[in-house]
């Protein structure tokens, strides 16, 4: 095998690892340390997103857990069946992928970041989308970096909706936002305490 071909195969495998990975087990979803050890490319991707956009890795994971349960092919649920139950109902929204981004919001993300080929079913693109949206709504709303509950409300309602308080009449959403905030903090704690994710010292000396 030629050197160039070997490099190409390694690069292709790296892209594939980020683009499509098996849906994590319940044990992995419950423990960010285990999850990211088993999916190391995800760790590298989210760390890059955190550095670029300021969105903590724990928040990124918590949003993906809530929105899609780490299913890259997740779609919005269907509404009531039609024609006396013989025909499946239409999707309640255009949400898709890890982040469950809507068509319009995803197109805006692609335009503003220049990532015309971004795909909602790709983990790298989904992570970057969450970071971009976090940064964009954070600037518009003035939310702090670790205001996880408020950031999720803005993620769901948009910056304009958040500022108008559209979420205040949605008790179910406020409850979900609270759970996402707790999960984000838990994930952050698990990541920071995970020795396997920390840079390894050379021969234990440096």
N, C-alpha and C. Protein backbone atom coordinates (compact mmCIF):
# COMPACT_ATOMS: atom_id res chain seq x y z
N UNK A 1 0.85 -1.20 0.00
CA UNK A 1 0.00 0.00 0.00
C UNK A 1 0.88 1.24 0.00
N UNK A 2 0.59 2.21 -0.88
CA UNK A 2 1.41 3.41 -0.96
C UNK A 2 1.17 4.30 0.24
N UNK A 3 2.16 5.16 0.49
CA UNK A 3 2.06 6.09 1.63
C UNK A 3 0.87 7.03 1.44
N UNK A 4 0.67 7.54 0.22
CA UNK A 4 -0.43 8.46 -0.02
C UNK A 4 -1.78 7.79 0.19
N UNK A 5 -1.88 6.53 -0.25
CA UNK A 5 -3.12 5.81 -0.07
C UNK A 5 -3.39 5.57 1.41
N UNK A 6 -2.35 5.25 2.17
CA UNK A 6 -2.51 5.02 3.61
C UNK A 6 -3.02 6.28 4.29
N UNK A 7 -2.43 7.43 3.94
CA UNK A 7 -2.86 8.69 4.53
C UNK A 7 -4.31 8.98 4.19
N UNK A 8 -4.69 8.70 2.93
CA UNK A 8 -6.06 8.95 2.50
C UNK A 8 -7.05 8.09 3.28
N UNK A 9 -6.68 6.82 3.51
CA UNK A 9 -7.57 5.94 4.25
C UNK A 9 -7.72 6.38 5.69
N UNK A 10 -6.65 6.80 6.33
CA UNK A 10 -6.71 7.28 7.71
C UNK A 10 -7.60 8.51 7.80
N UNK A 11 -7.42 9.42 6.84
CA UNK A 11 -8.24 10.64 6.83
C UNK A 11 -9.71 10.30 6.65
N UNK A 12 -9.98 9.36 5.75
CA UNK A 12 -11.37 8.97 5.50
C UNK A 12 -12.00 8.34 6.74
N UNK A 13 -11.24 7.51 7.43
CA UNK A 13 -11.75 6.90 8.64
C UNK A 13 -12.04 7.94 9.71
N UNK A 14 -11.18 8.96 9.80
CA UNK A 14 -11.40 10.02 10.78
C UNK A 14 -12.67 10.78 10.50
N UNK A 15 -12.93 11.09 9.22
CA UNK A 15 -14.14 11.80 8.84
C UNK A 15 -15.37 10.94 9.13
N UNK A 16 -15.27 9.65 8.80
CA UNK A 16 -16.39 8.75 9.03
C UNK A 16 -16.72 8.65 10.51
N UNK A 17 -15.70 8.65 11.36
CA UNK A 17 -15.93 8.53 12.80
C UNK A 17 -16.75 9.69 13.32
N UNK A 18 -16.54 10.88 12.75
CA UNK A 18 -17.29 12.04 13.19
C UNK A 18 -18.67 12.08 12.54
N UNK A 19 -18.73 11.64 11.27
CA UNK A 19 -19.97 11.76 10.53
C UNK A 19 -21.02 10.76 11.00
N UNK A 20 -20.60 9.55 11.31
CA UNK A 20 -21.56 8.52 11.65
C UNK A 20 -20.96 7.56 12.67
N UNK A 21 -21.59 7.46 13.81
CA UNK A 21 -21.13 6.54 14.85
C UNK A 21 -22.35 5.81 15.41
N UNK A 22 -22.17 4.59 15.90
CA UNK A 22 -23.30 3.86 16.47
C UNK A 22 -23.93 4.66 17.61
N UNK A 23 -25.23 4.54 17.76
CA UNK A 23 -25.91 5.24 18.84
C UNK A 23 -25.40 4.70 20.17
N UNK A 24 -24.98 5.58 21.08
CA UNK A 24 -24.40 5.14 22.36
C UNK A 24 -25.39 4.32 23.19
N UNK A 25 -24.82 3.50 24.08
CA UNK A 25 -25.64 2.73 25.01
C UNK A 25 -26.15 3.65 26.11
N UNK A 26 -27.11 3.17 26.89
CA UNK A 26 -27.64 3.96 28.00
C UNK A 26 -26.55 4.27 29.02
N UNK A 27 -25.64 3.29 29.23
CA UNK A 27 -24.55 3.51 30.19
C UNK A 27 -23.64 4.63 29.72
N UNK A 28 -23.36 4.69 28.43
CA UNK A 28 -22.51 5.74 27.88
C UNK A 28 -23.20 7.09 27.96
N UNK A 29 -24.49 7.13 27.65
CA UNK A 29 -25.24 8.39 27.69
C UNK A 29 -25.29 8.94 29.10
N UNK A 30 -25.26 8.07 30.09
CA UNK A 30 -25.32 8.50 31.49
C UNK A 30 -24.00 9.01 32.01
N UNK A 31 -22.89 8.70 31.33
CA UNK A 31 -21.55 9.05 31.82
C UNK A 31 -20.73 9.65 30.69
N UNK A 32 -20.51 10.95 30.75
CA UNK A 32 -19.76 11.63 29.68
C UNK A 32 -18.35 11.10 29.55
N UNK A 33 -17.74 10.67 30.63
CA UNK A 33 -16.39 10.14 30.58
C UNK A 33 -16.37 8.87 29.73
N UNK A 34 -17.28 7.96 30.01
CA UNK A 34 -17.36 6.71 29.24
C UNK A 34 -17.77 7.00 27.80
N UNK A 35 -18.73 7.88 27.62
CA UNK A 35 -19.22 8.20 26.28
C UNK A 35 -18.10 8.73 25.39
N UNK A 36 -17.30 9.65 25.92
CA UNK A 36 -16.27 10.27 25.10
C UNK A 36 -15.02 9.42 24.97
N UNK A 37 -14.81 8.50 25.92
CA UNK A 37 -13.72 7.53 25.74
C UNK A 37 -14.04 6.60 24.58
N UNK A 38 -15.31 6.22 24.47
CA UNK A 38 -15.73 5.31 23.42
C UNK A 38 -15.88 6.02 22.07
N UNK A 39 -16.03 7.33 22.11
CA UNK A 39 -16.20 8.12 20.89
C UNK A 39 -15.23 9.30 20.95
N UNK A 40 -13.94 9.00 20.97
CA UNK A 40 -12.92 10.03 21.15
C UNK A 40 -13.00 11.16 20.11
N UNK A 41 -13.31 10.87 18.84
CA UNK A 41 -13.44 11.98 17.88
C UNK A 41 -14.50 12.99 18.30
N UNK A 42 -15.56 12.54 18.98
CA UNK A 42 -16.58 13.46 19.45
C UNK A 42 -15.98 14.44 20.47
N UNK A 43 -15.14 13.92 21.34
CA UNK A 43 -14.50 14.78 22.34
C UNK A 43 -13.70 15.88 21.66
N UNK A 44 -12.92 15.50 20.67
CA UNK A 44 -12.07 16.47 19.98
C UNK A 44 -12.92 17.52 19.25
N UNK A 45 -14.01 17.06 18.65
CA UNK A 45 -14.91 17.97 17.93
C UNK A 45 -15.54 18.97 18.89
N UNK A 46 -16.06 18.49 20.00
CA UNK A 46 -16.74 19.38 20.94
C UNK A 46 -15.78 20.33 21.63
N UNK A 47 -14.57 19.88 21.88
CA UNK A 47 -13.57 20.77 22.46
C UNK A 47 -13.27 21.91 21.49
N UNK A 48 -13.19 21.57 20.21
CA UNK A 48 -12.97 22.60 19.18
C UNK A 48 -14.13 23.59 19.15
N UNK A 49 -15.36 23.09 19.24
CA UNK A 49 -16.54 23.95 19.26
C UNK A 49 -16.53 24.86 20.49
N UNK A 50 -16.16 24.29 21.64
CA UNK A 50 -16.12 25.08 22.87
C UNK A 50 -15.12 26.23 22.75
N UNK A 51 -13.99 25.95 22.15
CA UNK A 51 -12.96 26.98 21.98
C UNK A 51 -13.40 28.06 20.99
N UNK A 52 -14.08 27.64 19.95
CA UNK A 52 -14.48 28.59 18.91
C UNK A 52 -15.66 29.46 19.33
N UNK A 53 -16.67 28.84 19.94
CA UNK A 53 -17.92 29.54 20.21
C UNK A 53 -18.20 29.80 21.68
N UNK A 54 -17.46 29.15 22.58
CA UNK A 54 -17.70 29.35 24.00
C UNK A 54 -18.78 28.47 24.59
N UNK A 55 -19.31 27.53 23.81
CA UNK A 55 -20.35 26.63 24.31
C UNK A 55 -19.72 25.46 25.05
N UNK A 56 -19.91 25.34 26.37
CA UNK A 56 -19.29 24.25 27.13
C UNK A 56 -19.65 22.87 26.57
N UNK A 57 -18.71 21.96 26.65
CA UNK A 57 -18.92 20.62 26.13
C UNK A 57 -20.11 19.94 26.80
N UNK A 58 -20.27 20.17 28.11
CA UNK A 58 -21.38 19.56 28.83
C UNK A 58 -22.72 20.02 28.29
N UNK A 59 -22.80 21.29 27.93
CA UNK A 59 -24.05 21.81 27.38
C UNK A 59 -24.32 21.20 26.01
N UNK A 60 -23.29 21.10 25.19
CA UNK A 60 -23.46 20.49 23.87
C UNK A 60 -24.03 19.08 24.00
N UNK A 61 -23.43 18.30 24.89
CA UNK A 61 -23.89 16.92 25.09
C UNK A 61 -25.32 16.88 25.62
N UNK A 62 -25.64 17.78 26.56
CA UNK A 62 -26.97 17.79 27.15
C UNK A 62 -28.03 18.14 26.11
N UNK A 63 -27.71 19.05 25.21
CA UNK A 63 -28.66 19.42 24.15
C UNK A 63 -28.88 18.24 23.21
N UNK A 64 -27.81 17.58 22.81
CA UNK A 64 -27.93 16.44 21.90
C UNK A 64 -28.71 15.31 22.58
N UNK A 65 -28.45 15.08 23.85
CA UNK A 65 -29.18 14.05 24.58
C UNK A 65 -30.68 14.36 24.59
N UNK A 66 -31.03 15.60 24.90
CA UNK A 66 -32.43 15.98 24.97
C UNK A 66 -33.11 15.97 23.61
N UNK A 67 -32.40 16.48 22.60
CA UNK A 67 -33.02 16.67 21.30
C UNK A 67 -33.13 15.38 20.49
N UNK A 68 -32.11 14.55 20.52
CA UNK A 68 -32.11 13.38 19.63
C UNK A 68 -31.69 12.07 20.28
N UNK A 69 -31.32 12.11 21.55
CA UNK A 69 -30.80 10.91 22.23
C UNK A 69 -29.62 10.32 21.48
N UNK A 70 -28.82 11.19 20.86
CA UNK A 70 -27.62 10.79 20.14
C UNK A 70 -27.91 9.93 18.91
N UNK A 71 -29.10 10.09 18.36
CA UNK A 71 -29.48 9.39 17.14
C UNK A 71 -29.27 10.35 15.96
N UNK A 72 -28.28 10.07 15.12
CA UNK A 72 -27.94 10.98 14.03
C UNK A 72 -29.08 11.13 13.02
N UNK A 73 -29.98 10.14 12.95
CA UNK A 73 -31.05 10.17 11.96
C UNK A 73 -32.40 10.59 12.57
N UNK A 74 -32.37 11.12 13.75
CA UNK A 74 -33.61 11.50 14.42
C UNK A 74 -34.37 12.56 13.63
N UNK A 75 -35.67 12.41 13.57
CA UNK A 75 -36.56 13.37 12.92
C UNK A 75 -37.65 13.79 13.90
N UNK A 76 -38.29 14.89 13.62
CA UNK A 76 -39.39 15.34 14.47
C UNK A 76 -40.49 14.28 14.48
N UNK A 77 -41.23 14.15 15.58
CA UNK A 77 -42.30 13.16 15.62
C UNK A 77 -43.43 13.52 14.65
N UNK A 78 -44.24 12.55 14.35
CA UNK A 78 -45.38 12.78 13.47
C UNK A 78 -46.61 13.20 14.27
N UNK A 79 -47.48 13.94 13.63
CA UNK A 79 -48.74 14.31 14.25
C UNK A 79 -49.74 13.17 14.18
N UNK A 80 -50.98 13.47 14.45
CA UNK A 80 -52.03 12.44 14.44
C UNK A 80 -52.16 11.82 13.06
N UNK A 81 -52.46 10.53 13.05
CA UNK A 81 -52.66 9.83 11.79
C UNK A 81 -53.89 10.39 11.06
N UNK A 82 -53.87 10.32 9.74
CA UNK A 82 -54.93 10.90 8.92
C UNK A 82 -55.71 9.81 8.18
N UNK A 83 -56.80 10.22 7.55
CA UNK A 83 -57.62 9.29 6.78
C UNK A 83 -58.00 8.07 7.61
N UNK A 84 -58.68 8.37 8.74
CA UNK A 84 -59.20 7.33 9.62
C UNK A 84 -58.09 6.43 10.15
N UNK A 85 -56.89 7.01 10.33
CA UNK A 85 -55.77 6.28 10.90
C UNK A 85 -55.00 5.43 9.92
N UNK A 86 -55.35 5.52 8.64
CA UNK A 86 -54.69 4.69 7.63
C UNK A 86 -53.39 5.30 7.11
N UNK A 87 -53.25 6.62 7.27
CA UNK A 87 -52.07 7.33 6.76
C UNK A 87 -51.33 8.00 7.91
N UNK A 88 -50.01 7.85 7.90
CA UNK A 88 -49.22 8.47 8.96
C UNK A 88 -49.36 9.99 8.91
N UNK A 89 -49.36 10.60 10.08
CA UNK A 89 -49.46 12.05 10.14
C UNK A 89 -48.17 12.72 9.67
N UNK A 90 -48.28 13.99 9.34
CA UNK A 90 -47.11 14.74 8.89
C UNK A 90 -46.18 15.05 10.06
N UNK A 91 -44.89 15.24 9.76
CA UNK A 91 -43.94 15.63 10.79
C UNK A 91 -44.37 16.97 11.39
N UNK A 92 -44.24 17.12 12.70
CA UNK A 92 -44.69 18.35 13.35
C UNK A 92 -43.75 19.52 13.07
N UNK A 93 -42.54 19.23 12.61
CA UNK A 93 -41.60 20.29 12.24
C UNK A 93 -40.54 19.71 11.31
N UNK A 94 -39.63 20.55 10.85
CA UNK A 94 -38.55 20.10 9.96
C UNK A 94 -37.29 19.73 10.72
N UNK A 95 -37.38 19.62 12.05
CA UNK A 95 -36.21 19.30 12.88
C UNK A 95 -35.59 17.97 12.47
N UNK A 96 -34.25 17.93 12.44
CA UNK A 96 -33.57 16.70 12.03
C UNK A 96 -32.17 16.64 12.61
N UNK A 97 -31.65 15.41 12.73
CA UNK A 97 -30.27 15.21 13.14
C UNK A 97 -30.01 15.31 14.63
N UNK A 98 -28.73 15.26 14.97
CA UNK A 98 -28.32 15.31 16.37
C UNK A 98 -28.89 16.53 17.10
N UNK A 99 -28.82 17.68 16.47
CA UNK A 99 -29.22 18.94 17.13
C UNK A 99 -30.68 19.27 16.95
N UNK A 100 -31.38 18.54 16.08
CA UNK A 100 -32.78 18.81 15.75
C UNK A 100 -32.99 20.26 15.27
N UNK A 101 -32.03 20.73 14.50
CA UNK A 101 -32.14 22.08 13.93
C UNK A 101 -33.22 22.10 12.86
N UNK A 102 -33.96 23.20 12.79
CA UNK A 102 -34.99 23.38 11.77
C UNK A 102 -34.35 23.77 10.44
N UNK A 103 -35.09 23.53 9.36
CA UNK A 103 -34.57 23.84 8.03
C UNK A 103 -34.08 25.28 7.92
N UNK A 104 -34.91 26.22 8.32
CA UNK A 104 -34.57 27.63 8.18
C UNK A 104 -33.36 28.03 9.00
N UNK A 105 -33.29 27.55 10.23
CA UNK A 105 -32.17 27.88 11.10
C UNK A 105 -30.89 27.26 10.59
N UNK A 106 -30.98 26.05 10.07
CA UNK A 106 -29.80 25.38 9.52
C UNK A 106 -29.28 26.12 8.29
N UNK A 107 -30.18 26.60 7.45
CA UNK A 107 -29.76 27.36 6.27
C UNK A 107 -29.08 28.67 6.69
N UNK A 108 -29.59 29.30 7.73
CA UNK A 108 -28.97 30.51 8.25
C UNK A 108 -27.56 30.21 8.77
N UNK A 109 -27.42 29.10 9.47
CA UNK A 109 -26.11 28.68 9.98
C UNK A 109 -25.13 28.48 8.84
N UNK A 110 -25.55 27.82 7.78
CA UNK A 110 -24.66 27.56 6.65
C UNK A 110 -24.24 28.86 5.98
N UNK A 111 -25.18 29.80 5.85
CA UNK A 111 -24.86 31.08 5.22
C UNK A 111 -23.87 31.88 6.06
N UNK A 112 -24.13 31.96 7.36
CA UNK A 112 -23.32 32.81 8.23
C UNK A 112 -21.94 32.24 8.52
N UNK A 113 -21.80 30.93 8.44
CA UNK A 113 -20.50 30.31 8.70
C UNK A 113 -19.76 29.94 7.43
N UNK A 114 -20.44 30.01 6.30
CA UNK A 114 -19.81 29.64 5.04
C UNK A 114 -19.70 28.14 4.84
N UNK A 115 -20.39 27.36 5.67
CA UNK A 115 -20.33 25.90 5.58
C UNK A 115 -21.50 25.39 4.74
N UNK A 116 -21.40 25.60 3.45
CA UNK A 116 -22.50 25.26 2.56
C UNK A 116 -22.81 23.77 2.51
N UNK A 117 -21.82 22.94 2.82
CA UNK A 117 -22.02 21.50 2.76
C UNK A 117 -22.35 20.86 4.10
N UNK A 118 -22.61 21.67 5.11
CA UNK A 118 -22.89 21.13 6.45
C UNK A 118 -24.12 20.23 6.43
N UNK A 119 -24.06 19.16 7.23
CA UNK A 119 -25.11 18.15 7.24
C UNK A 119 -25.58 17.94 8.68
N UNK A 120 -26.88 18.00 8.89
CA UNK A 120 -27.43 17.85 10.25
C UNK A 120 -27.20 16.46 10.84
N UNK A 121 -26.90 15.49 10.00
CA UNK A 121 -26.67 14.13 10.50
C UNK A 121 -25.20 13.87 10.81
N UNK A 122 -24.37 14.88 10.66
CA UNK A 122 -22.94 14.79 10.93
C UNK A 122 -22.66 15.36 12.33
N UNK A 123 -21.93 14.63 13.14
CA UNK A 123 -21.71 15.07 14.52
C UNK A 123 -20.91 16.37 14.58
N UNK A 124 -19.87 16.47 13.76
CA UNK A 124 -19.05 17.68 13.76
C UNK A 124 -19.89 18.92 13.42
N UNK A 125 -20.68 18.81 12.38
CA UNK A 125 -21.50 19.94 11.96
C UNK A 125 -22.56 20.26 13.02
N UNK A 126 -23.13 19.23 13.63
CA UNK A 126 -24.14 19.45 14.67
C UNK A 126 -23.55 20.14 15.89
N UNK A 127 -22.38 19.71 16.30
CA UNK A 127 -21.70 20.34 17.42
C UNK A 127 -21.41 21.81 17.11
N UNK A 128 -20.90 22.07 15.91
CA UNK A 128 -20.57 23.44 15.54
C UNK A 128 -21.84 24.29 15.46
N UNK A 129 -22.94 23.70 14.99
CA UNK A 129 -24.21 24.42 14.94
C UNK A 129 -24.65 24.84 16.33
N UNK A 130 -24.58 23.91 17.28
CA UNK A 130 -24.98 24.22 18.65
C UNK A 130 -24.12 25.35 19.21
N UNK A 131 -22.81 25.29 18.94
CA UNK A 131 -21.92 26.34 19.40
C UNK A 131 -22.24 27.68 18.77
N UNK A 132 -22.47 27.66 17.46
CA UNK A 132 -22.81 28.90 16.74
C UNK A 132 -24.10 29.50 17.28
N UNK A 133 -25.11 28.67 17.48
CA UNK A 133 -26.41 29.15 17.97
C UNK A 133 -26.28 29.67 19.40
N UNK A 134 -25.53 28.97 20.19
CA UNK A 134 -25.26 29.37 21.58
C UNK A 134 -24.61 30.75 21.61
N UNK A 135 -23.61 30.93 20.75
CA UNK A 135 -22.89 32.20 20.70
C UNK A 135 -23.79 33.32 20.17
N UNK A 136 -24.55 33.03 19.13
CA UNK A 136 -25.42 34.04 18.51
C UNK A 136 -26.51 34.50 19.46
N UNK A 137 -27.22 33.54 20.06
CA UNK A 137 -28.30 33.92 20.98
C UNK A 137 -27.74 34.52 22.26
N UNK A 138 -26.56 34.07 22.68
CA UNK A 138 -25.94 34.63 23.88
C UNK A 138 -25.65 36.12 23.71
N UNK A 139 -25.16 36.49 22.53
CA UNK A 139 -24.87 37.90 22.27
C UNK A 139 -26.14 38.73 22.24
N UNK A 140 -27.20 38.18 21.69
CA UNK A 140 -28.45 38.93 21.56
C UNK A 140 -29.20 39.05 22.88
N UNK A 141 -29.05 38.05 23.73
CA UNK A 141 -29.81 38.03 24.98
C UNK A 141 -28.99 38.48 26.19
N UNK A 142 -27.66 38.47 26.05
CA UNK A 142 -26.80 38.84 27.18
C UNK A 142 -26.64 37.74 28.20
N UNK A 143 -26.97 36.51 27.84
CA UNK A 143 -26.85 35.39 28.79
C UNK A 143 -25.39 35.06 29.07
N UNK A 144 -25.12 34.65 30.30
CA UNK A 144 -23.77 34.25 30.68
C UNK A 144 -23.42 32.89 30.12
N UNK A 145 -22.13 32.59 30.08
CA UNK A 145 -21.67 31.35 29.46
C UNK A 145 -22.25 30.11 30.12
N UNK A 146 -22.46 30.15 31.42
CA UNK A 146 -22.92 28.95 32.12
C UNK A 146 -24.39 29.04 32.56
N UNK A 147 -25.15 29.93 31.93
CA UNK A 147 -26.59 29.99 32.19
C UNK A 147 -27.28 28.91 31.36
N UNK A 148 -27.04 27.68 31.73
CA UNK A 148 -27.51 26.56 30.93
C UNK A 148 -29.02 26.56 30.72
N UNK A 149 -29.76 26.78 31.78
CA UNK A 149 -31.23 26.75 31.67
C UNK A 149 -31.71 27.80 30.68
N UNK A 150 -31.21 29.01 30.82
CA UNK A 150 -31.65 30.09 29.95
C UNK A 150 -31.19 29.86 28.50
N UNK A 151 -30.00 29.34 28.34
CA UNK A 151 -29.50 29.07 27.00
C UNK A 151 -30.36 28.02 26.30
N UNK A 152 -30.83 27.02 27.04
CA UNK A 152 -31.68 26.02 26.41
C UNK A 152 -33.02 26.63 26.03
N UNK A 153 -33.56 27.48 26.88
CA UNK A 153 -34.81 28.15 26.54
C UNK A 153 -34.65 28.96 25.26
N UNK A 154 -33.50 29.65 25.14
CA UNK A 154 -33.23 30.43 23.92
C UNK A 154 -33.00 29.50 22.73
N UNK A 155 -32.41 28.33 22.97
CA UNK A 155 -32.19 27.36 21.90
C UNK A 155 -33.53 26.91 21.34
N UNK A 156 -34.48 26.73 22.22
CA UNK A 156 -35.79 26.23 21.82
C UNK A 156 -36.67 27.34 21.22
N UNK A 157 -36.64 28.52 21.82
CA UNK A 157 -37.54 29.60 21.42
C UNK A 157 -36.92 30.62 20.48
N UNK A 158 -35.58 30.58 20.34
CA UNK A 158 -34.90 31.60 19.56
C UNK A 158 -34.66 32.83 20.42
N UNK A 159 -33.71 33.65 20.03
CA UNK A 159 -33.38 34.83 20.83
C UNK A 159 -34.57 35.77 20.98
N UNK A 160 -35.29 35.99 19.88
CA UNK A 160 -36.45 36.88 19.93
C UNK A 160 -37.53 36.34 20.85
N UNK A 161 -37.84 35.06 20.71
CA UNK A 161 -38.84 34.44 21.57
C UNK A 161 -38.43 34.46 23.02
N UNK A 162 -37.14 34.21 23.27
CA UNK A 162 -36.66 34.22 24.65
C UNK A 162 -36.85 35.60 25.27
N UNK A 163 -36.45 36.64 24.53
CA UNK A 163 -36.55 38.01 25.05
C UNK A 163 -38.00 38.44 25.24
N UNK A 164 -38.89 37.92 24.41
CA UNK A 164 -40.32 38.23 24.56
C UNK A 164 -40.96 37.43 25.69
N UNK A 165 -40.26 36.38 26.15
CA UNK A 165 -40.80 35.55 27.23
C UNK A 165 -41.83 34.54 26.79
N UNK A 166 -41.74 34.10 25.52
CA UNK A 166 -42.72 33.12 25.03
C UNK A 166 -42.69 31.82 25.83
N UNK A 167 -41.54 31.54 26.45
CA UNK A 167 -41.38 30.31 27.20
C UNK A 167 -42.13 30.32 28.55
N UNK A 168 -42.48 31.51 29.02
CA UNK A 168 -43.07 31.63 30.35
C UNK A 168 -44.42 30.93 30.47
N UNK A 169 -45.12 30.80 29.38
CA UNK A 169 -46.42 30.13 29.40
C UNK A 169 -46.31 28.64 29.09
N UNK A 170 -45.08 28.15 28.94
CA UNK A 170 -44.86 26.74 28.59
C UNK A 170 -44.18 26.03 29.76
N UNK A 171 -45.01 25.60 30.70
CA UNK A 171 -44.47 24.95 31.88
C UNK A 171 -43.63 23.73 31.56
N UNK A 172 -44.06 22.97 30.56
CA UNK A 172 -43.32 21.77 30.17
C UNK A 172 -41.91 22.11 29.69
N UNK A 173 -41.79 23.24 28.96
CA UNK A 173 -40.49 23.65 28.44
C UNK A 173 -39.57 24.11 29.56
N UNK A 174 -40.11 24.85 30.51
CA UNK A 174 -39.32 25.30 31.65
C UNK A 174 -38.79 24.10 32.42
N UNK A 175 -39.64 23.07 32.56
CA UNK A 175 -39.23 21.85 33.26
C UNK A 175 -38.11 21.14 32.50
N UNK A 176 -38.26 21.04 31.18
CA UNK A 176 -37.23 20.41 30.36
C UNK A 176 -35.94 21.19 30.44
N UNK A 177 -36.01 22.51 30.37
CA UNK A 177 -34.82 23.36 30.44
C UNK A 177 -34.07 23.15 31.76
N UNK A 178 -34.82 22.95 32.83
CA UNK A 178 -34.20 22.68 34.12
C UNK A 178 -33.44 21.37 34.11
N UNK A 179 -34.04 20.34 33.49
CA UNK A 179 -33.38 19.04 33.39
C UNK A 179 -32.13 19.12 32.51
N UNK A 180 -32.23 19.86 31.42
CA UNK A 180 -31.07 20.02 30.53
C UNK A 180 -29.93 20.72 31.27
N UNK A 181 -30.27 21.74 32.06
CA UNK A 181 -29.25 22.47 32.82
C UNK A 181 -28.55 21.54 33.81
N UNK A 182 -29.33 20.72 34.52
CA UNK A 182 -28.74 19.78 35.47
C UNK A 182 -27.86 18.76 34.75
N UNK A 183 -28.32 18.29 33.59
CA UNK A 183 -27.54 17.32 32.83
C UNK A 183 -26.25 17.94 32.32
N UNK A 184 -26.31 19.19 31.87
CA UNK A 184 -25.12 19.88 31.36
C UNK A 184 -24.08 20.02 32.47
N UNK A 185 -24.53 20.39 33.66
CA UNK A 185 -23.61 20.54 34.78
C UNK A 185 -23.01 19.19 35.17
N UNK A 186 -23.83 18.14 35.13
CA UNK A 186 -23.35 16.79 35.45
C UNK A 186 -22.31 16.34 34.43
N UNK A 187 -22.58 16.57 33.16
CA UNK A 187 -21.63 16.20 32.11
C UNK A 187 -20.32 16.97 32.26
N UNK A 188 -20.41 18.24 32.55
CA UNK A 188 -19.20 19.05 32.73
C UNK A 188 -18.34 18.49 33.86
N UNK A 189 -18.99 18.11 34.96
CA UNK A 189 -18.28 17.55 36.11
C UNK A 189 -17.62 16.22 35.73
N UNK A 190 -18.34 15.38 35.00
CA UNK A 190 -17.79 14.09 34.59
C UNK A 190 -16.61 14.26 33.64
N UNK A 191 -16.70 15.21 32.75
CA UNK A 191 -15.61 15.45 31.80
C UNK A 191 -14.37 15.96 32.52
N UNK A 192 -14.55 16.91 33.44
CA UNK A 192 -13.40 17.50 34.13
C UNK A 192 -12.70 16.49 35.03
N UNK A 193 -13.44 15.47 35.50
CA UNK A 193 -12.86 14.47 36.39
C UNK A 193 -12.35 13.24 35.64
N UNK A 194 -12.48 13.23 34.32
CA UNK A 194 -12.13 12.04 33.53
C UNK A 194 -10.65 12.05 33.15
N UNK A 195 -9.87 11.24 33.82
CA UNK A 195 -8.42 11.18 33.53
C UNK A 195 -8.15 10.72 32.09
N UNK A 196 -9.02 9.87 31.57
CA UNK A 196 -8.80 9.33 30.22
C UNK A 196 -8.88 10.40 29.14
N UNK A 197 -9.52 11.53 29.45
CA UNK A 197 -9.68 12.60 28.47
C UNK A 197 -8.64 13.70 28.62
N UNK A 198 -7.81 13.58 29.64
CA UNK A 198 -6.78 14.59 29.86
C UNK A 198 -5.53 14.26 29.06
N UNK A 199 -4.77 15.29 28.64
CA UNK A 199 -3.53 15.03 27.88
C UNK A 199 -2.61 14.11 28.67
N UNK A 200 -2.07 13.09 28.01
CA UNK A 200 -1.21 12.13 28.67
C UNK A 200 0.22 12.65 28.76
N UNK A 201 0.85 12.44 29.91
CA UNK A 201 2.24 12.88 30.10
C UNK A 201 3.19 11.91 29.40
N UNK A 202 4.24 12.42 28.81
CA UNK A 202 5.22 11.60 28.12
C UNK A 202 6.06 10.85 29.14
N UNK A 203 5.94 9.53 29.17
CA UNK A 203 6.66 8.66 30.10
C UNK A 203 6.44 9.05 31.55
N UNK A 204 5.30 9.78 31.77
CA UNK A 204 4.96 10.16 33.14
C UNK A 204 5.84 11.26 33.68
N UNK A 205 6.63 11.92 32.83
CA UNK A 205 7.58 12.93 33.30
C UNK A 205 7.14 14.35 33.03
N UNK A 206 6.35 14.55 32.00
CA UNK A 206 6.00 15.93 31.59
C UNK A 206 4.50 16.12 31.50
